[in-house]
Amino acid sequence: MKHRFLSVAETEMFEAALYLESESKGLGFEFLEEANHCIEQIKSFPEAWPEIRPGIRRHLTKRFPYSLLYSLRKDNTILILAVMHCKKAPEYWIDRL
């Protein structure tokens, strides 16, 4: 199964990594590793995580307060809609649909 990011979601992921790196050397890289691990889990088991809205699922990271919001497309592609900080307004990404 393939995946792709909305450009704004990819930007969110890298901005989070840059912020974490500024807080502690190496932390941004660790965040990107965990985000990629989450993506691999989603690709292996795309329906394993709960739907938070019809057709939209959320995979929480284990170590960081972030979620990957995604949808399964008809062409069997996973579309990452947001890399969301869990303390952020929970539906800020809705207009991306």
PDB file of N, CA and C in Angstrom:
ATOM      1  N   MET A   1       0.841  -1.171   0.000  1.00  0.00           N
ATOM      2  CA  MET A   1       0.000   0.000   0.000  1.00  0.00           C
ATOM      3  C   MET A   1       0.894   1.244   0.000  1.00  0.00           C
ATOM      4  N   LYS A   2       0.475   2.243  -0.738  1.00  0.00           N
ATOM      5  CA  LYS A   2       1.232   3.490  -0.836  1.00  0.00           C
ATOM      6  C   LYS A   2       0.605   4.542   0.068  1.00  0.00           C
ATOM      7  N   HIS A   3       1.376   5.588   0.327  1.00  0.00           N
ATOM      8  CA  HIS A   3       0.845   6.715   1.080  1.00  0.00           C
ATOM      9  C   HIS A   3       1.340   8.009   0.455  1.00  0.00           C
ATOM     10  N   ARG A   4       0.617   9.063   0.760  1.00  0.00           N
ATOM     11  CA  ARG A   4       1.049  10.397   0.367  1.00  0.00           C
ATOM     12  C   ARG A   4       0.509  11.385   1.384  1.00  0.00           C
ATOM     13  N   PHE A   5       1.141  12.529   1.436  1.00  0.00           N
ATOM     14  CA  PHE A   5       0.760  13.595   2.359  1.00  0.00           C
ATOM     15  C   PHE A   5       0.074  14.706   1.597  1.00  0.00           C
ATOM     16  N   LEU A   6      -0.897  15.340   2.222  1.00  0.00           N
ATOM     17  CA  LEU A   6      -1.265  16.671   1.773  1.00  0.00           C
ATOM     18  C   LEU A   6      -0.045  17.523   2.074  1.00  0.00           C
ATOM     19  N   SER A   7       0.264  18.470   1.224  1.00  0.00           N
ATOM     20  CA  SER A   7       1.485  19.255   1.436  1.00  0.00           C
ATOM     21  C   SER A   7       1.482  19.946   2.789  1.00  0.00           C
ATOM     22  N   VAL A   8       0.324  20.412   3.238  1.00  0.00           N
ATOM     23  CA  VAL A   8       0.245  21.085   4.531  1.00  0.00           C
ATOM     24  C   VAL A   8       0.527  20.109   5.676  1.00  0.00           C
ATOM     25  N   ALA A   9       0.144  18.855   5.537  1.00  0.00           N
ATOM     26  CA  ALA A   9       0.415  17.850   6.570  1.00  0.00           C
ATOM     27  C   ALA A   9       1.907  17.529   6.626  1.00  0.00           C
ATOM     28  N   GLU A  10       2.531  17.446   5.468  1.00  0.00           N
ATOM     29  CA  GLU A  10       3.973  17.194   5.438  1.00  0.00           C
ATOM     30  C   GLU A  10       4.724  18.373   6.078  1.00  0.00           C
ATOM     31  N   THR A  11       4.270  19.578   5.794  1.00  0.00           N
ATOM     32  CA  THR A  11       4.864  20.764   6.416  1.00  0.00           C
ATOM     33  C   THR A  11       4.703  20.715   7.928  1.00  0.00           C
ATOM     34  N   GLU A  12       3.526  20.312   8.405  1.00  0.00           N
ATOM     35  CA  GLU A  12       3.300  20.185   9.844  1.00  0.00           C
ATOM     36  C   GLU A  12       4.292  19.218  10.482  1.00  0.00           C
ATOM     37  N   MET A  13       4.524  18.100   9.811  1.00  0.00           N
ATOM     38  CA  MET A  13       5.422  17.094  10.356  1.00  0.00           C
ATOM     39  C   MET A  13       6.839  17.654  10.483  1.00  0.00           C
ATOM     40  N   PHE A  14       7.314  18.329   9.446  1.00  0.00           N
ATOM     41  CA  PHE A  14       8.672  18.863   9.491  1.00  0.00           C
ATOM     42  C   PHE A  14       8.790  20.049  10.445  1.00  0.00           C
ATOM     43  N   GLU A  15       7.756  20.861  10.549  1.00  0.00           N
ATOM     44  CA  GLU A  15       7.781  21.966  11.523  1.00  0.00           C
ATOM     45  C   GLU A  15       7.817  21.426  12.949  1.00  0.00           C
ATOM     46  N   ALA A  16       7.071  20.357  13.204  1.00  0.00           N
ATOM     47  CA  ALA A  16       7.104  19.729  14.534  1.00  0.00           C
ATOM     48  C   ALA A  16       8.495  19.192  14.823  1.00  0.00           C
ATOM     49  N   ALA A  17       9.105  18.559  13.828  1.00  0.00           N
ATOM     50  CA  ALA A  17      10.452  18.016  14.007  1.00  0.00           C
ATOM     51  C   ALA A  17      11.452  19.139  14.287  1.00  0.00           C
ATOM     52  N   LEU A  18      11.342  20.232  13.559  1.00  0.00           N
ATOM     53  CA  LEU A  18      12.245  21.362  13.791  1.00  0.00           C
ATOM     54  C   LEU A  18      12.060  21.941  15.190  1.00  0.00           C
ATOM     55  N   TYR A  19      10.824  22.076  15.616  1.00  0.00           N
ATOM     56  CA  TYR A  19      10.563  22.582  16.962  1.00  0.00           C
ATOM     57  C   TYR A  19      11.163  21.648  18.012  1.00  0.00           C
ATOM     58  N   LEU A  20      10.907  20.361  17.875  1.00  0.00           N
ATOM     59  CA  LEU A  20      11.427  19.401  18.853  1.00  0.00           C
ATOM     60  C   LEU A  20      12.950  19.384  18.853  1.00  0.00           C
ATOM     61  N   GLU A  21      13.539  19.509  17.683  1.00  0.00           N
ATOM     62  CA  GLU A  21      15.003  19.555  17.590  1.00  0.00           C
ATOM     63  C   GLU A  21      15.555  20.781  18.309  1.00  0.00           C
ATOM     64  N   SER A  22      14.817  21.894  18.230  1.00  0.00           N
ATOM     65  CA  SER A  22      15.266  23.107  18.923  1.00  0.00           C
ATOM     66  C   SER A  22      15.174  22.949  20.443  1.00  0.00           C
ATOM     67  N   GLU A  23      14.290  22.080  20.887  1.00  0.00           N
ATOM     68  CA  GLU A  23      14.138  21.827  22.317  1.00  0.00           C
ATOM     69  C   GLU A  23      15.235  20.900  22.846  1.00  0.00           C
ATOM     70  N   SER A  24      15.626  19.923  22.027  1.00  0.00           N
ATOM     71  CA  SER A  24      16.640  18.960  22.461  1.00  0.00           C
ATOM     72  C   SER A  24      17.267  18.300  21.235  1.00  0.00           C
ATOM     73  N   LYS A  25      18.589  18.351  21.161  1.00  0.00           N
ATOM     74  CA  LYS A  25      19.300  17.796  20.011  1.00  0.00           C
ATOM     75  C   LYS A  25      18.933  16.310  19.824  1.00  0.00           C
ATOM     76  N   GLY A  26      18.530  15.983  18.613  1.00  0.00           N
ATOM     77  CA  GLY A  26      18.174  14.618  18.268  1.00  0.00           C
ATOM     78  C   GLY A  26      16.699  14.298  18.412  1.00  0.00           C
ATOM     79  N   LEU A  27      15.962  15.138  19.134  1.00  0.00           N
ATOM     80  CA  LEU A  27      14.548  14.863  19.381  1.00  0.00           C
ATOM     81  C   LEU A  27      13.712  14.972  18.111  1.00  0.00           C
ATOM     82  N   GLY A  28      14.054  15.911  17.248  1.00  0.00           N
ATOM     83  CA  GLY A  28      13.331  16.055  15.986  1.00  0.00           C
ATOM     84  C   GLY A  28      13.487  14.826  15.113  1.00  0.00           C
ATOM     85  N   PHE A  29      14.705  14.301  15.054  1.00  0.00           N
ATOM     86  CA  PHE A  29      14.956  13.076  14.279  1.00  0.00           C
ATOM     87  C   PHE A  29      14.165  11.910  14.868  1.00  0.00           C
ATOM     88  N   GLU A  30      14.125  11.812  16.192  1.00  0.00           N
ATOM     89  CA  GLU A  30      13.369  10.738  16.835  1.00  0.00           C
ATOM     90  C   GLU A  30      11.872  10.854  16.524  1.00  0.00           C
ATOM     91  N   PHE A  31      11.376  12.092  16.480  1.00  0.00           N
ATOM     92  CA  PHE A  31       9.981  12.300  16.119  1.00  0.00           C
ATOM     93  C   PHE A  31       9.711  11.813  14.690  1.00  0.00           C
ATOM     94  N   LEU A  32      10.598  12.173  13.756  1.00  0.00           N
ATOM     95  CA  LEU A  32      10.406  11.730  12.367  1.00  0.00           C
ATOM     96  C   LEU A  32      10.461  10.214  12.261  1.00  0.00           C
ATOM     97  N   GLU A  33      11.339   9.589  13.020  1.00  0.00           N
ATOM     98  CA  GLU A  33      11.391   8.126  13.024  1.00  0.00           C
ATOM     99  C   GLU A  33      10.072   7.536  13.516  1.00  0.00           C
ATOM    100  N   GLU A  34       9.537   8.099  14.589  1.00  0.00           N
ATOM    101  CA  GLU A  34       8.270   7.588  15.108  1.00  0.00           C
ATOM    102  C   GLU A  34       7.121   7.837  14.134  1.00  0.00           C
ATOM    103  N   ALA A  35       7.098   9.007  13.521  1.00  0.00           N
ATOM    104  CA  ALA A  35       6.055   9.297  12.528  1.00  0.00           C
ATOM    105  C   ALA A  35       6.133   8.297  11.373  1.00  0.00           C
ATOM    106  N   ASN A  36       7.333   8.004  10.910  1.00  0.00           N
ATOM    107  CA  ASN A  36       7.494   7.019   9.829  1.00  0.00           C
ATOM    108  C   ASN A  36       7.087   5.631  10.281  1.00  0.00           C
ATOM    109  N   HIS A  37       7.369   5.286  11.531  1.00  0.00           N
ATOM    110  CA  HIS A  37       6.932   3.997  12.065  1.00  0.00           C
ATOM    111  C   HIS A  37       5.399   3.923  12.075  1.00  0.00           C
ATOM    112  N   CYS A  38       4.759   5.005  12.484  1.00  0.00           N
ATOM    113  CA  CYS A  38       3.293   5.062  12.474  1.00  0.00           C
ATOM    114  C   CYS A  38       2.750   4.868  11.058  1.00  0.00           C
ATOM    115  N   ILE A  39       3.384   5.511  10.102  1.00  0.00           N
ATOM    116  CA  ILE A  39       2.943   5.380   8.707  1.00  0.00           C
ATOM    117  C   ILE A  39       3.061   3.933   8.248  1.00  0.00           C
ATOM    118  N   GLU A  40       4.150   3.272   8.601  1.00  0.00           N
ATOM    119  CA  GLU A  40       4.321   1.862   8.226  1.00  0.00           C
ATOM    120  C   GLU A  40       3.244   0.992   8.882  1.00  0.00           C
ATOM    121  N   GLN A  41       2.895   1.290  10.131  1.00  0.00           N
ATOM    122  CA  GLN A  41       1.819   0.554  10.796  1.00  0.00           C
ATOM    123  C   GLN A  41       0.494   0.787  10.084  1.00  0.00           C
ATOM    124  N   ILE A  42       0.231   2.024   9.719  1.00  0.00           N
ATOM    125  CA  ILE A  42      -1.007   2.347   9.011  1.00  0.00           C
ATOM    126  C   ILE A  42      -1.056   1.599   7.682  1.00  0.00           C
ATOM    127  N   LYS A  43       0.058   1.563   6.977  1.00  0.00           N
ATOM    128  CA  LYS A  43       0.097   0.865   5.688  1.00  0.00           C
ATOM    129  C   LYS A  43      -0.155  -0.628   5.863  1.00  0.00           C
ATOM    130  N   SER A  44       0.331  -1.203   6.955  1.00  0.00           N
ATOM    131  CA  SER A  44       0.141  -2.632   7.199  1.00  0.00           C
ATOM    132  C   SER A  44      -1.270  -2.960   7.683  1.00  0.00           C
ATOM    133  N   PHE A  45      -1.845  -2.072   8.487  1.00  0.00           N
ATOM    134  CA  PHE A  45      -3.156  -2.314   9.089  1.00  0.00           C
ATOM    135  C   PHE A  45      -3.999  -1.039   9.003  1.00  0.00           C
ATOM    136  N   PRO A  46      -4.411  -0.655   7.804  1.00  0.00           N
ATOM    137  CA  PRO A  46      -5.034   0.666   7.606  1.00  0.00           C
ATOM    138  C   PRO A  46      -6.335   0.893   8.373  1.00  0.00           C
ATOM    139  N   GLU A  47      -7.032  -0.167   8.736  1.00  0.00           N
ATOM    140  CA  GLU A  47      -8.309   0.017   9.426  1.00  0.00           C
ATOM    141  C   GLU A  47      -8.204  -0.242  10.932  1.00  0.00           C
ATOM    142  N   ALA A  48      -6.984  -0.340  11.448  1.00  0.00           N
ATOM    143  CA  ALA A  48      -6.789  -0.678  12.860  1.00  0.00           C
ATOM    144  C   ALA A  48      -7.064   0.479  13.804  1.00  0.00           C
ATOM    145  N   TRP A  49      -6.998   1.699  13.334  1.00  0.00           N
ATOM    146  CA  TRP A  49      -7.149   2.859  14.216  1.00  0.00           C
ATOM    147  C   TRP A  49      -8.540   3.435  14.100  1.00  0.00           C
ATOM    148  N   PRO A  50      -9.007   4.074  15.152  1.00  0.00           N
ATOM    149  CA  PRO A  50     -10.412   4.503  15.196  1.00  0.00           C
ATOM    150  C   PRO A  50     -10.735   5.627  14.209  1.00  0.00           C
ATOM    151  N   GLU A  51     -11.966   5.552  13.733  1.00  0.00           N
ATOM    152  CA  GLU A  51     -12.491   6.642  12.918  1.00  0.00           C
ATOM    153  C   GLU A  51     -12.911   7.768  13.851  1.00  0.00           C
ATOM    154  N   ILE A  52     -12.453   8.962  13.552  1.00  0.00           N
ATOM    155  CA  ILE A  52     -12.863  10.113  14.356  1.00  0.00           C
ATOM    156  C   ILE A  52     -13.963  10.902  13.650  1.00  0.00           C
ATOM    157  N   ARG A  53     -14.092  10.656  12.374  1.00  0.00           N
ATOM    158  CA  ARG A  53     -15.159  11.165  11.513  1.00  0.00           C
ATOM    159  C   ARG A  53     -15.329  10.100  10.430  1.00  0.00           C
ATOM    160  N   PRO A  54     -16.436  10.079   9.747  1.00  0.00           N
ATOM    161  CA  PRO A  54     -16.585   9.071   8.701  1.00  0.00           C
ATOM    162  C   PRO A  54     -15.442   9.154   7.675  1.00  0.00           C
ATOM    163  N   GLY A  55     -14.725   8.063   7.540  1.00  0.00           N
ATOM    164  CA  GLY A  55     -13.644   7.982   6.560  1.00  0.00           C
ATOM    165  C   GLY A  55     -12.316   8.579   7.010  1.00  0.00           C
ATOM    166  N   ILE A  56     -12.245   9.125   8.216  1.00  0.00           N
ATOM    167  CA  ILE A  56     -11.018   9.739   8.731  1.00  0.00           C
ATOM    168  C   ILE A  56     -10.588   8.986   9.994  1.00  0.00           C
ATOM    169  N   ARG A  57      -9.358   8.524   9.992  1.00  0.00           N
ATOM    170  CA  ARG A  57      -8.836   7.762  11.130  1.00  0.00           C
ATOM    171  C   ARG A  57      -7.685   8.510  11.787  1.00  0.00           C
ATOM    172  N   ARG A  58      -7.437   8.151  13.063  1.00  0.00           N
ATOM    173  CA  ARG A  58      -6.387   8.811  13.827  1.00  0.00           C
ATOM    174  C   ARG A  58      -5.465   7.770  14.457  1.00  0.00           C
ATOM    175  N   HIS A  59      -4.184   7.925  14.180  1.00  0.00           N
ATOM    176  CA  HIS A  59      -3.149   7.087  14.796  1.00  0.00           C
ATOM    177  C   HIS A  59      -2.337   7.984  15.731  1.00  0.00           C
ATOM    178  N   LEU A  60      -2.400   7.696  17.020  1.00  0.00           N
ATOM    179  CA  LEU A  60      -1.644   8.453  18.010  1.00  0.00           C
ATOM    180  C   LEU A  60      -0.208   7.936  18.063  1.00  0.00           C
ATOM    181  N   THR A  61       0.743   8.849  18.149  1.00  0.00           N
ATOM    182  CA  THR A  61       2.121   8.419  18.363  1.00  0.00           C
ATOM    183  C   THR A  61       2.243   7.983  19.822  1.00  0.00           C
ATOM    184  N   LYS A  62       3.217   7.150  20.102  1.00  0.00           N
ATOM    185  CA  LYS A  62       3.386   6.655  21.474  1.00  0.00           C
ATOM    186  C   LYS A  62       4.147   7.643  22.355  1.00  0.00           C
ATOM    187  N   ARG A  63       5.188   8.219  21.824  1.00  0.00           N
ATOM    188  CA  ARG A  63       6.081   9.035  22.651  1.00  0.00           C
ATOM    189  C   ARG A  63       5.766  10.528  22.625  1.00  0.00           C
ATOM    190  N   PHE A  64       5.234  10.994  21.539  1.00  0.00           N
ATOM    191  CA  PHE A  64       5.029  12.427  21.336  1.00  0.00           C
ATOM    192  C   PHE A  64       3.535  12.743  21.334  1.00  0.00           C
ATOM    193  N   PRO A  65       3.150  13.965  21.697  1.00  0.00           N
ATOM    194  CA  PRO A  65       1.726  14.316  21.731  1.00  0.00           C
ATOM    195  C   PRO A  65       1.192  14.707  20.348  1.00  0.00           C
ATOM    196  N   TYR A  66       1.354  13.806  19.387  1.00  0.00           N
ATOM    197  CA  TYR A  66       0.926  14.058  18.009  1.00  0.00           C
ATOM    198  C   TYR A  66       0.094  12.886  17.509  1.00  0.00           C
ATOM    199  N   SER A  67      -0.784  13.203  16.571  1.00  0.00           N
ATOM    200  CA  SER A  67      -1.604  12.204  15.884  1.00  0.00           C
ATOM    201  C   SER A  67      -1.423  12.360  14.390  1.00  0.00           C
ATOM    202  N   LEU A  68      -1.483  11.254  13.687  1.00  0.00           N
ATOM    203  CA  LEU A  68      -1.541  11.280  12.229  1.00  0.00           C
ATOM    204  C   LEU A  68      -2.990  11.023  11.846  1.00  0.00           C
ATOM    205  N   LEU A  69      -3.588  11.969  11.145  1.00  0.00           N
ATOM    206  CA  LEU A  69      -4.954  11.824  10.659  1.00  0.00           C
ATOM    207  C   LEU A  69      -4.883  11.443   9.199  1.00  0.00           C
ATOM    208  N   TYR A  70      -5.645  10.414   8.822  1.00  0.00           N
ATOM    209  CA  TYR A  70      -5.525   9.896   7.458  1.00  0.00           C
ATOM    210  C   TYR A  70      -6.847   9.338   6.959  1.00  0.00           C
ATOM    211  N   SER A  71      -6.907   9.181   5.658  1.00  0.00           N
ATOM    212  CA  SER A  71      -8.062   8.532   5.041  1.00  0.00           C
ATOM    213  C   SER A  71      -7.561   7.496   4.045  1.00  0.00           C
ATOM    214  N   LEU A  72      -8.383   6.498   3.823  1.00  0.00           N
ATOM    215  CA  LEU A  72      -8.092   5.467   2.831  1.00  0.00           C
ATOM    216  C   LEU A  72      -8.795   5.858   1.541  1.00  0.00           C
ATOM    217  N   ARG A  73      -8.036   5.964   0.479  1.00  0.00           N
ATOM    218  CA  ARG A  73      -8.593   6.386  -0.802  1.00  0.00           C
ATOM    219  C   ARG A  73      -9.053   5.166  -1.599  1.00  0.00           C
ATOM    220  N   LYS A  74      -9.890   5.402  -2.569  1.00  0.00           N
ATOM    221  CA  LYS A  74     -10.418   4.307  -3.400  1.00  0.00           C
ATOM    222  C   LYS A  74      -9.327   3.569  -4.163  1.00  0.00           C
ATOM    223  N   ASP A  75      -8.213   4.260  -4.445  1.00  0.00           N
ATOM    224  CA  ASP A  75      -7.109   3.622  -5.173  1.00  0.00           C
ATOM    225  C   ASP A  75      -6.121   2.914  -4.235  1.00  0.00           C
ATOM    226  N   ASN A  76      -6.568   2.618  -2.999  1.00  0.00           N
ATOM    227  CA  ASN A  76      -5.745   1.959  -1.969  1.00  0.00           C
ATOM    228  C   ASN A  76      -4.541   2.784  -1.545  1.00  0.00           C
ATOM    229  N   THR A  77      -4.650   4.083  -1.659  1.00  0.00           N
ATOM    230  CA  THR A  77      -3.612   4.987  -1.169  1.00  0.00           C
ATOM    231  C   THR A  77      -4.056   5.539   0.175  1.00  0.00           C
ATOM    232  N   ILE A  78      -3.118   5.679   1.078  1.00  0.00           N
ATOM    233  CA  ILE A  78      -3.378   6.327   2.358  1.00  0.00           C
ATOM    234  C   ILE A  78      -3.009   7.791   2.197  1.00  0.00           C
ATOM    235  N   LEU A  79      -3.942   8.666   2.493  1.00  0.00           N
ATOM    236  CA  LEU A  79      -3.706  10.105   2.401  1.00  0.00           C
ATOM    237  C   LEU A  79      -3.578  10.664   3.813  1.00  0.00           C
ATOM    238  N   ILE A  80      -2.386  11.164   4.140  1.00  0.00           N
ATOM    239  CA  ILE A  80      -2.148  11.777   5.441  1.00  0.00           C
ATOM    240  C   ILE A  80      -2.679  13.215   5.360  1.00  0.00           C
ATOM    241  N   LEU A  81      -3.699  13.499   6.161  1.00  0.00           N
ATOM    242  CA  LEU A  81      -4.361  14.798   6.134  1.00  0.00           C
ATOM    243  C   LEU A  81      -3.729  15.800   7.088  1.00  0.00           C
ATOM    244  N   ALA A  82      -3.224  15.303   8.212  1.00  0.00           N
ATOM    245  CA  ALA A  82      -2.667  16.198   9.225  1.00  0.00           C
ATOM    246  C   ALA A  82      -1.707  15.427  10.115  1.00  0.00           C
ATOM    247  N   VAL A  83      -0.704  16.130  10.594  1.00  0.00           N
ATOM    248  CA  VAL A  83       0.164  15.652  11.663  1.00  0.00           C
ATOM    249  C   VAL A  83      -0.096  16.652  12.782  1.00  0.00           C
ATOM    250  N   MET A  84      -1.015  16.278  13.647  1.00  0.00           N
ATOM    251  CA  MET A  84      -1.641  17.215  14.561  1.00  0.00           C
ATOM    252  C   MET A  84      -1.090  17.095  15.975  1.00  0.00           C
ATOM    253  N   HIS A  85      -0.751  18.230  16.560  1.00  0.00           N
ATOM    254  CA  HIS A  85      -0.415  18.253  17.977  1.00  0.00           C
ATOM    255  C   HIS A  85      -1.724  18.038  18.733  1.00  0.00           C
ATOM    256  N   CYS A  86      -1.715  17.130  19.686  1.00  0.00           N
ATOM    257  CA  CYS A  86      -2.954  16.748  20.371  1.00  0.00           C
ATOM    258  C   CYS A  86      -3.554  17.844  21.236  1.00  0.00           C
ATOM    259  N   LYS A  87      -2.796  18.896  21.531  1.00  0.00           N
ATOM    260  CA  LYS A  87      -3.328  20.008  22.330  1.00  0.00           C
ATOM    261  C   LYS A  87      -3.908  21.116  21.447  1.00  0.00           C
ATOM    262  N   LYS A  88      -3.772  20.957  20.129  1.00  0.00           N
ATOM    263  CA  LYS A  88      -4.283  21.952  19.198  1.00  0.00           C
ATOM    264  C   LYS A  88      -5.796  21.781  19.051  1.00  0.00           C
ATOM    265  N   ALA A  89      -6.463  22.819  18.594  1.00  0.00           N
ATOM    266  CA  ALA A  89      -7.904  22.723  18.351  1.00  0.00           C
ATOM    267  C   ALA A  89      -8.174  21.469  17.517  1.00  0.00           C
ATOM    268  N   PRO A  90      -9.002  20.557  18.012  1.00  0.00           N
ATOM    269  CA  PRO A  90      -9.097  19.242  17.402  1.00  0.00           C
ATOM    270  C   PRO A  90      -9.619  19.184  15.967  1.00  0.00           C
ATOM    271  N   GLU A  91     -10.300  20.197  15.502  1.00  0.00           N
ATOM    272  CA  GLU A  91     -10.856  20.115  14.147  1.00  0.00           C
ATOM    273  C   GLU A  91     -10.314  21.202  13.215  1.00  0.00           C
ATOM    274  N   TYR A  92      -9.140  21.711  13.503  1.00  0.00           N
ATOM    275  CA  TYR A  92      -8.549  22.763  12.670  1.00  0.00           C
ATOM    276  C   TYR A  92      -8.305  22.297  11.241  1.00  0.00           C
ATOM    277  N   TRP A  93      -8.190  21.019  11.034  1.00  0.00           N
ATOM    278  CA  TRP A  93      -7.827  20.438   9.738  1.00  0.00           C
ATOM    279  C   TRP A  93      -9.042  20.136   8.856  1.00  0.00           C
ATOM    280  N   ILE A  94     -10.252  20.292   9.374  1.00  0.00           N
ATOM    281  CA  ILE A  94     -11.482  19.905   8.669  1.00  0.00           C
ATOM    282  C   ILE A  94     -11.565  20.494   7.266  1.00  0.00           C
ATOM    283  N   ASP A  95     -11.142  21.729   7.083  1.00  0.00           N
ATOM    284  CA  ASP A  95     -11.270  22.355   5.751  1.00  0.00           C
ATOM    285  C   ASP A  95     -10.349  21.715   4.724  1.00  0.00           C
ATOM    286  N   ARG A  96      -9.501  20.788   5.126  1.00  0.00           N
ATOM    287  CA  ARG A  96      -8.609  20.103   4.182  1.00  0.00           C
ATOM    288  C   ARG A  96      -9.338  19.016   3.385  1.00  0.00           C
ATOM    289  N   LEU A  97     -10.520  18.665   3.814  1.00  0.00           N
ATOM    290  CA  LEU A  97     -11.276  17.636   3.124  1.00  0.00           C
ATOM    291  C   LEU A  97     -11.846  18.214   1.882  1.00  0.00           C
TER     292      LEU A  97
END
